[in-house]
Amino acid sequence: MQKHNHEIVLCPAQGQARSVLAHGLEVGSICVLSGETGSGKSVVLRHLHREIGGALLNIADLLDVSSKRHPLLLEEALFDVVLAALKQHATVIADDFHLLFDAFCCNHSIREPAGWRRRLWPYARTPSRLGRS
């Protein structure tokens, strides 16, 4: 990644990841970018957000909402944050949410890990359910 006049220029690998994500969003509703820590995933997601718009959520957005709730309601907080963004934007980009998924994975007090995906899927596939066309 290089900066030219405050514009971020992606390295070739990041540019390829951005292209694959952009194409994935043309043909599907949900795409995931994964990679090693420090590999530039956040840079790619911010770059994609500048290009296509929508909402860009990060773990701080979730922590802000979850700090006002019981710790065992983390999954519900995630659902509320993402659903609120989906109600306002056709595209929602979530950065660093793998930190949350790691918590779901190993927290046995959460009854249904990743159940939020099943709850959000109908909204991701049917914008009219959100009041968008």
Protein backbone atom coordinates (compact mmCIF):
# COMPACT_ATOMS: atom_id res chain seq x y z
CA MET A 1 0.00 0.00 0.00
CA GLN A 2 1.31 3.46 -0.94
CA LYS A 3 -0.10 6.93 -0.43
CA HIS A 4 -0.18 9.43 -3.31
CA ASN A 5 -1.64 12.84 -2.44
CA HIS A 6 -3.64 11.31 0.44
CA GLU A 7 -5.03 8.66 -1.89
CA ILE A 8 -4.39 5.06 -0.93
CA VAL A 9 -2.96 2.89 -3.67
CA LEU A 10 -3.40 -0.80 -2.98
CA CYS A 11 -0.57 -3.24 -3.55
CA PRO A 12 -1.28 -5.90 -6.21
CA ALA A 13 -2.51 -8.50 -3.70
CA GLN A 14 -4.80 -5.97 -2.02
CA GLY A 15 -6.07 -4.81 -5.41
CA GLN A 16 -6.90 -8.37 -6.36
CA ALA A 17 -8.73 -8.89 -3.05
CA ARG A 18 -10.72 -5.69 -3.63
CA SER A 19 -11.65 -6.83 -7.15
CA VAL A 20 -12.77 -10.26 -5.93
CA LEU A 21 -14.89 -8.68 -3.19
CA ALA A 22 -16.45 -6.17 -5.59
CA HIS A 23 -17.30 -8.97 -8.03
CA GLY A 24 -18.65 -11.12 -5.21
CA LEU A 25 -21.00 -8.33 -4.16
CA GLU A 26 -22.30 -8.10 -7.73
CA VAL A 27 -23.35 -11.75 -7.71
CA GLY A 28 -24.11 -12.41 -4.03
CA SER A 29 -25.21 -10.82 -0.81
CA ILE A 30 -22.49 -11.79 1.64
CA CYS A 31 -18.72 -11.90 1.07
CA VAL A 32 -15.88 -12.53 3.51
CA LEU A 33 -12.30 -11.31 3.33
CA SER A 34 -9.89 -13.28 5.47
CA GLY A 35 -6.15 -13.13 5.90
CA GLU A 36 -3.34 -12.95 8.39
CA THR A 37 -3.11 -10.18 10.97
CA GLY A 38 -1.47 -7.14 9.41
CA SER A 39 -2.08 -8.25 5.82
CA GLY A 40 -4.08 -5.12 4.95
CA LYS A 41 -7.66 -6.38 5.14
CA SER A 42 -8.89 -3.18 6.80
CA VAL A 43 -7.21 -1.07 4.13
CA VAL A 44 -8.92 -3.11 1.41
CA LEU A 45 -12.31 -2.78 3.11
CA ARG A 46 -11.93 1.01 3.58
CA HIS A 47 -10.89 1.33 -0.08
CA LEU A 48 -13.89 -0.72 -1.21
CA HIS A 49 -16.18 1.37 1.02
CA ARG A 50 -14.93 4.59 -0.60
CA GLU A 51 -15.69 3.09 -4.01
CA ILE A 52 -19.13 1.55 -3.44
CA GLY A 53 -20.46 3.38 -0.37
CA GLY A 54 -22.78 1.84 2.17
CA ALA A 55 -22.01 1.45 5.85
CA LEU A 56 -18.56 0.61 7.17
CA LEU A 57 -18.80 -0.99 10.61
CA ASN A 58 -15.89 -1.93 12.82
CA ILE A 59 -15.54 -3.63 16.16
CA ALA A 60 -15.78 -0.24 17.94
CA ASP A 61 -19.37 0.12 16.67
CA LEU A 62 -20.25 -3.19 18.27
CA LEU A 63 -18.40 -2.45 21.49
CA ASP A 64 -20.27 0.84 21.82
CA VAL A 65 -23.64 -0.94 21.66
CA SER A 66 -22.61 -4.00 23.67
CA SER A 67 -21.14 -1.93 26.52
CA LYS A 68 -24.71 -0.94 27.44
CA ARG A 69 -25.92 -4.57 27.61
CA HIS A 70 -25.37 -7.73 29.58
CA PRO A 71 -22.20 -9.55 28.40
CA LEU A 72 -24.21 -12.61 27.35
CA LEU A 73 -26.21 -10.45 24.90
CA LEU A 74 -23.22 -9.89 22.62
CA GLU A 75 -24.83 -11.79 19.76
CA GLU A 76 -27.99 -9.68 20.01
CA ALA A 77 -25.88 -6.52 20.00
CA LEU A 78 -24.21 -7.68 16.79
CA PHE A 79 -27.58 -8.41 15.23
CA ASP A 80 -28.90 -4.96 16.18
CA VAL A 81 -25.82 -3.11 14.87
CA VAL A 82 -25.79 -4.92 11.52
CA LEU A 83 -29.57 -4.79 11.08
CA ALA A 84 -29.64 -1.03 11.77
CA ALA A 85 -26.96 -0.53 9.10
CA LEU A 86 -28.82 -2.78 6.64
CA LYS A 87 -31.97 -0.71 7.14
CA GLN A 88 -30.13 2.39 5.94
CA HIS A 89 -27.69 0.97 3.38
CA ALA A 90 -27.80 -1.62 0.63
CA THR A 91 -24.22 -2.57 1.46
CA VAL A 92 -22.74 -3.15 4.90
CA ILE A 93 -19.00 -3.75 5.26
CA ALA A 94 -17.94 -5.17 8.64
CA ASP A 95 -14.28 -4.91 9.63
CA ASP A 96 -12.58 -6.85 12.45
CA PHE A 97 -15.74 -8.80 13.30
CA HIS A 98 -13.60 -11.93 13.30
CA LEU A 99 -12.67 -10.89 16.83
CA LEU A 100 -16.30 -11.34 17.76
CA PHE A 101 -16.63 -14.64 15.90
CA ASP A 102 -13.66 -15.95 17.87
CA ALA A 103 -15.56 -15.11 21.06
CA PHE A 104 -18.69 -16.89 19.76
CA CYS A 105 -16.63 -19.91 18.82
CA CYS A 106 -15.23 -20.53 22.25
CA ASN A 107 -17.91 -19.11 24.53
CA HIS A 108 -20.05 -22.04 25.62
CA SER A 109 -22.53 -19.77 27.38
CA ILE A 110 -23.75 -18.51 24.02
CA ARG A 111 -26.52 -20.91 23.14
CA GLU A 112 -26.40 -20.67 19.35
CA PRO A 113 -23.08 -19.46 17.93
CA ALA A 114 -23.49 -17.64 14.63
CA GLY A 115 -27.30 -17.81 14.90
CA TRP A 116 -27.30 -14.13 13.98
CA ARG A 117 -26.34 -15.14 10.44
CA ARG A 118 -29.58 -17.07 10.05
CA ARG A 119 -31.49 -14.12 11.50
CA LEU A 120 -29.90 -11.57 9.14
CA TRP A 121 -29.92 -13.67 5.98
CA PRO A 122 -33.54 -12.84 4.98
CA TYR A 123 -32.76 -9.12 5.31
CA ALA A 124 -29.60 -9.38 3.23
CA ARG A 125 -31.49 -11.17 0.47
CA THR A 126 -34.70 -9.09 0.52
CA PRO A 127 -34.14 -5.31 0.76
CA SER A 128 -37.90 -4.67 0.71
CA ARG A 129 -38.14 -6.22 4.20
CA LEU A 130 -35.99 -3.30 5.35
CA GLY A 131 -38.04 -0.60 3.67
CA ARG A 132 -35.52 -0.30 0.82
CA SER A 133 -36.20 -1.15 -2.80
